[in-house]
Protein backbone atom coordinates (compact mmCIF):
# COMPACT_ATOMS: atom_id res chain seq x y z
CA MET A 1 0.00 0.00 0.00
CA LYS A 2 2.81 2.45 0.85
CA ARG A 3 4.38 1.80 -2.55
CA ILE A 4 1.05 2.49 -4.31
CA ILE A 5 0.58 5.74 -2.36
CA ALA A 6 4.13 6.78 -3.18
CA LEU A 7 3.61 6.08 -6.88
CA LEU A 8 0.31 7.97 -6.87
CA THR A 9 1.97 10.92 -5.11
CA MET A 10 4.77 10.95 -7.70
CA ALA A 11 2.21 10.86 -10.51
CA VAL A 12 0.28 13.79 -9.04
CA LEU A 13 3.45 15.82 -8.54
CA SER A 14 4.58 15.05 -12.08
CA ALA A 15 1.21 16.11 -13.48
CA ALA A 16 1.29 19.32 -11.45
CA PHE A 17 4.77 20.07 -12.73
CA VAL A 18 3.70 19.58 -16.34
CA ILE A 19 0.66 21.80 -15.86
CA ASN A 20 2.77 24.49 -14.20
CA MET A 21 5.25 24.42 -17.07
CA ASP A 22 2.61 24.95 -19.77
CA ALA A 23 3.18 28.20 -21.62
CA GLN A 24 0.69 30.85 -20.57
CA VAL A 25 0.34 34.58 -20.08
CA ARG A 26 -1.65 34.91 -16.88
CA ASP A 27 -1.88 38.69 -16.71
CA VAL A 28 -0.79 41.84 -18.53
CA ASP A 29 -1.11 45.10 -16.58
CA ILE A 30 -0.07 48.28 -18.44
CA THR A 31 0.04 51.80 -17.01
CA VAL A 32 0.31 54.74 -19.42
CA ARG A 33 1.28 57.98 -17.68
CA LEU A 34 0.72 60.90 -20.05
CA ASN A 35 3.04 63.88 -19.66
CA HIS A 36 1.93 67.44 -20.37
CA ASP A 37 4.28 67.66 -23.37
CA GLY A 38 2.38 64.82 -25.03
CA SER A 39 4.92 62.09 -24.30
CA ALA A 40 4.14 59.08 -22.12
CA HIS A 41 5.90 56.82 -19.63
CA ILE A 42 4.77 53.21 -20.00
CA THR A 43 5.04 50.54 -17.30
CA GLU A 44 4.06 46.96 -18.21
CA LEU A 45 3.83 43.98 -15.86
CA TRP A 46 3.92 40.60 -17.61
CA ASP A 47 3.02 37.55 -15.48
CA LEU A 48 3.75 34.48 -17.58
CA ASN A 49 4.99 30.94 -17.86
CA ALA A 50 7.50 30.25 -20.63
CA ASP A 51 8.33 26.83 -22.06
CA ARG A 52 10.09 27.71 -25.33
CA GLY A 53 12.27 30.32 -26.99
CA THR A 54 15.12 32.43 -25.65
CA GLU A 55 13.47 35.87 -25.29
CA TRP A 56 10.19 37.74 -24.87
CA TYR A 57 9.37 40.71 -27.02
CA LEU A 58 6.65 43.30 -27.58
CA VAL A 59 5.91 44.71 -31.01
CA ARG A 60 5.32 48.43 -31.42
CA TYR A 61 4.66 48.96 -35.11
CA ASN A 62 3.27 51.76 -37.29
CA LEU A 63 4.22 54.47 -34.81
CA GLY A 64 4.77 57.29 -37.29
CA ASP A 65 6.78 60.03 -35.56
CA ILE A 66 6.69 58.31 -32.15
CA GLN A 67 10.09 57.33 -30.74
CA ILE A 68 10.79 54.83 -27.95
CA SER A 69 13.58 55.38 -25.44
CA GLY A 70 14.60 54.77 -21.83
CA LEU A 71 13.97 51.02 -21.81
CA ARG A 72 14.26 49.34 -18.44
CA VAL A 73 13.41 45.72 -17.51
CA GLU A 74 13.56 44.11 -14.08
CA GLU A 75 12.50 40.91 -12.36
CA ASN A 76 12.51 40.22 -8.63
CA GLY A 77 14.40 43.45 -7.97
CA ARG A 78 17.14 42.60 -10.48
CA GLU A 79 17.53 45.25 -13.17
CA PHE A 80 18.52 43.97 -16.59
CA ILE A 81 21.42 45.38 -18.59
CA THR A 82 20.04 47.59 -21.36
CA GLU A 83 21.87 47.13 -24.63
CA GLY A 84 22.16 49.74 -27.35
CA SER A 85 20.64 47.38 -29.91
CA TRP A 86 19.26 43.88 -29.62
CA ASN A 87 20.85 40.85 -31.26
CA THR A 88 18.25 38.08 -31.60
CA GLU A 89 20.80 35.46 -32.76
CA ARG A 90 22.05 34.43 -29.33
CA SER A 91 21.52 31.67 -26.82
CA MET A 92 19.24 31.90 -23.80
CA GLU A 93 22.30 32.20 -21.58
CA ALA A 94 23.69 35.11 -23.62
CA LYS A 95 20.37 36.98 -23.46
CA ALA A 96 19.71 36.35 -19.76
CA GLY A 97 19.46 39.53 -17.70
CA ARG A 98 19.62 41.74 -20.79
CA CYS A 99 17.14 43.85 -22.75
CA GLY A 100 17.17 46.10 -25.78
CA LEU A 101 15.28 47.64 -28.68
CA ALA A 102 15.31 46.04 -32.10
CA ARG A 103 14.59 48.49 -34.91
CA VAL A 104 12.66 46.86 -37.73
CA SER A 105 11.02 48.25 -40.86
CA GLN A 106 7.60 48.42 -39.17
CA GLY A 107 8.85 50.14 -35.99
CA TYR A 108 10.25 48.67 -32.77
CA GLU A 109 10.45 45.35 -30.97
CA ILE A 110 11.03 45.65 -27.22
CA CYS A 111 13.08 42.58 -26.27
CA TRP A 112 14.50 40.91 -23.20
CA GLY A 113 15.97 37.52 -22.32
CA LEU A 114 13.83 34.89 -20.62
CA GLY A 115 16.77 33.49 -18.66
CA SER A 116 14.90 30.27 -17.87
CA TYR A 117 11.68 28.41 -18.52
CA GLY A 118 8.86 28.48 -15.99
CA GLY A 119 7.15 31.33 -14.15
CA HIS A 120 8.24 34.95 -14.52
CA ARG A 121 6.97 38.39 -13.54
CA PHE A 122 8.71 40.96 -15.70
CA THR A 123 8.36 44.71 -15.22
CA VAL A 124 9.09 46.71 -18.37
CA GLU A 125 9.35 50.51 -18.53
CA TYR A 126 9.98 52.85 -21.44
CA ASP A 127 9.13 56.30 -22.79
CA MET A 128 7.23 57.17 -25.95
CA SER A 129 7.30 60.62 -27.56
CA ASN A 130 4.34 62.33 -29.28
CA VAL A 131 1.66 60.00 -27.91
CA VAL A 132 -0.83 62.86 -27.59
CA LYS A 133 -1.60 64.32 -31.01
CA SER A 134 -2.81 67.90 -31.44
CA LEU A 135 -5.88 68.39 -33.66
CA ASN A 136 -7.71 71.58 -34.57
CA ASP A 137 -10.57 71.15 -32.14
CA TYR A 138 -9.37 68.43 -29.74
CA ASP A 139 -6.25 66.47 -28.84
CA MET A 140 -6.10 62.72 -29.33
CA VAL A 141 -4.46 59.48 -28.27
CA HIS A 142 -4.89 56.60 -30.72
CA MET A 143 -2.60 53.77 -29.76
CA GLN A 144 -2.46 49.97 -29.84
CA PHE A 145 -1.09 49.10 -26.41
CA VAL A 146 -1.42 45.30 -26.75
CA SER A 147 -0.72 43.83 -30.17
CA PRO A 148 -2.47 40.80 -31.73
CA GLY A 149 -0.70 37.50 -32.20
CA ILE A 150 0.71 37.09 -28.69
CA SER A 151 1.37 33.39 -28.14
CA PRO A 152 0.09 32.12 -25.81
CA SER A 153 -2.87 34.51 -25.69
CA PRO A 154 -3.20 36.44 -22.40
CA LYS A 155 -5.82 35.35 -19.89
CA HIS A 156 -6.40 38.91 -18.65
CA VAL A 157 -5.31 42.37 -19.77
CA LYS A 158 -5.75 45.81 -18.22
CA VAL A 159 -4.54 49.16 -19.55
CA THR A 160 -4.71 52.24 -17.30
CA ILE A 161 -4.22 55.75 -18.73
CA LEU A 162 -3.57 58.63 -16.32
CA ALA A 163 -1.90 62.03 -16.10
CA ASP A 164 -0.54 64.01 -13.15
CA GLY A 165 -2.87 66.83 -12.14
CA ILE A 166 -5.73 65.70 -14.40
CA SER A 167 -8.79 63.75 -13.30
CA PHE A 168 -10.20 62.27 -16.47
CA ASP A 169 -13.96 62.09 -16.94
CA ASP A 170 -16.52 62.26 -19.74
CA VAL A 171 -16.51 66.07 -19.55
CA ASN A 172 -12.83 66.68 -20.33
CA SER A 173 -12.36 63.58 -22.50
CA ARG A 174 -13.98 60.67 -24.34
CA LEU A 175 -12.73 57.08 -24.26
CA TRP A 176 -13.20 54.10 -26.58
CA GLY A 177 -11.57 50.67 -26.52
CA PHE A 178 -11.28 48.27 -29.46
CA GLY A 179 -9.95 44.80 -30.25
CA TYR A 180 -11.05 42.93 -27.12
CA ASN A 181 -14.14 41.88 -25.18
CA GLY A 182 -14.34 43.97 -22.04
CA THR A 183 -14.83 47.49 -20.76
CA ALA A 184 -13.48 51.01 -21.21
CA ASN A 185 -14.39 53.16 -18.21
CA TYR A 186 -13.33 56.06 -16.01
CA VAL A 187 -12.19 54.86 -12.60
CA GLY A 188 -11.01 57.35 -9.99
CA GLY A 189 -9.94 59.93 -12.57
CA LYS A 190 -8.14 57.35 -14.70
CA MET A 191 -9.10 55.67 -17.96
CA VAL A 192 -9.21 51.90 -17.63
CA LEU A 193 -9.54 49.41 -20.47
CA GLU A 194 -9.94 45.84 -19.19
CA SER A 195 -10.70 42.49 -20.75
CA SER A 196 -13.61 40.44 -19.44
CA GLU A 197 -12.54 37.13 -21.01
CA PRO A 198 -9.33 35.53 -22.24
CA PHE A 199 -7.82 36.82 -25.45
CA VAL A 200 -7.86 34.89 -28.69
CA ARG A 201 -4.93 35.09 -31.10
CA GLN A 202 -6.16 38.20 -32.93
CA SER A 203 -7.26 40.12 -29.82
CA SER A 204 -5.60 43.45 -29.10
CA VAL A 205 -6.12 46.57 -27.01
CA ILE A 206 -6.53 49.79 -28.97
CA ALA A 207 -7.35 52.98 -27.09
CA LEU A 208 -8.96 55.96 -28.78
CA VAL A 209 -9.06 59.02 -26.54
CA ARG A 210 -10.42 62.47 -27.32
CA LEU A 211 -9.03 65.19 -25.06
CA ASN A 212 -10.22 68.74 -24.53
CA LYS A 213 -7.74 71.41 -25.57
CA GLY A 214 -5.50 73.02 -22.95
CA GLN A 215 -4.57 69.87 -20.99
CA PHE A 216 -1.56 68.90 -23.12
CA TYR A 217 0.94 70.78 -25.22
CA SER A 218 2.07 68.45 -27.95
CA LEU A 219 2.70 68.33 -31.70
């Protein structure tokens, strides 16, 4: 009987290990802090399990005049080394603890090394110029903050847009969210776009924001 119990225990532990190692993106939490000059500071938290590949990357394509700078990645209090440019043709060991921007014809890929398979909670920060666009009658933010094609598809995504000294509401702004099933609401002076069900492969998060004049001074 003891041998049977031991074998059953080993089987359960083995099954649990396999389940835990399955690739998944449990949660994506993005904060977009708009600056008064129209730029933005982005902070992204990626809670995931990895079982393949050597790196994780985010695509930021079709940005027009928007530039990305100031990349910073950390995990468990360890800050990664930021490289001037990213070389994808390296081993997992060579990419571990490192991050960088890859310039491609469509725009940018924000890259960092996985370091190991299994569970990770990466915090990624960077700056984007010219996020707020100046129009004749209003200002605007029109940005895809989560791109389609993420594999595996995220279980849950939230994007929060805020600005120092501004409490957003439906008087000084208008908010729309596209590409996902969920909500786009004002919560405590912030704009919050949040999924209500897991993503499929072509899901994305696109924010369209109309802003009253006089809150930002951008191009």
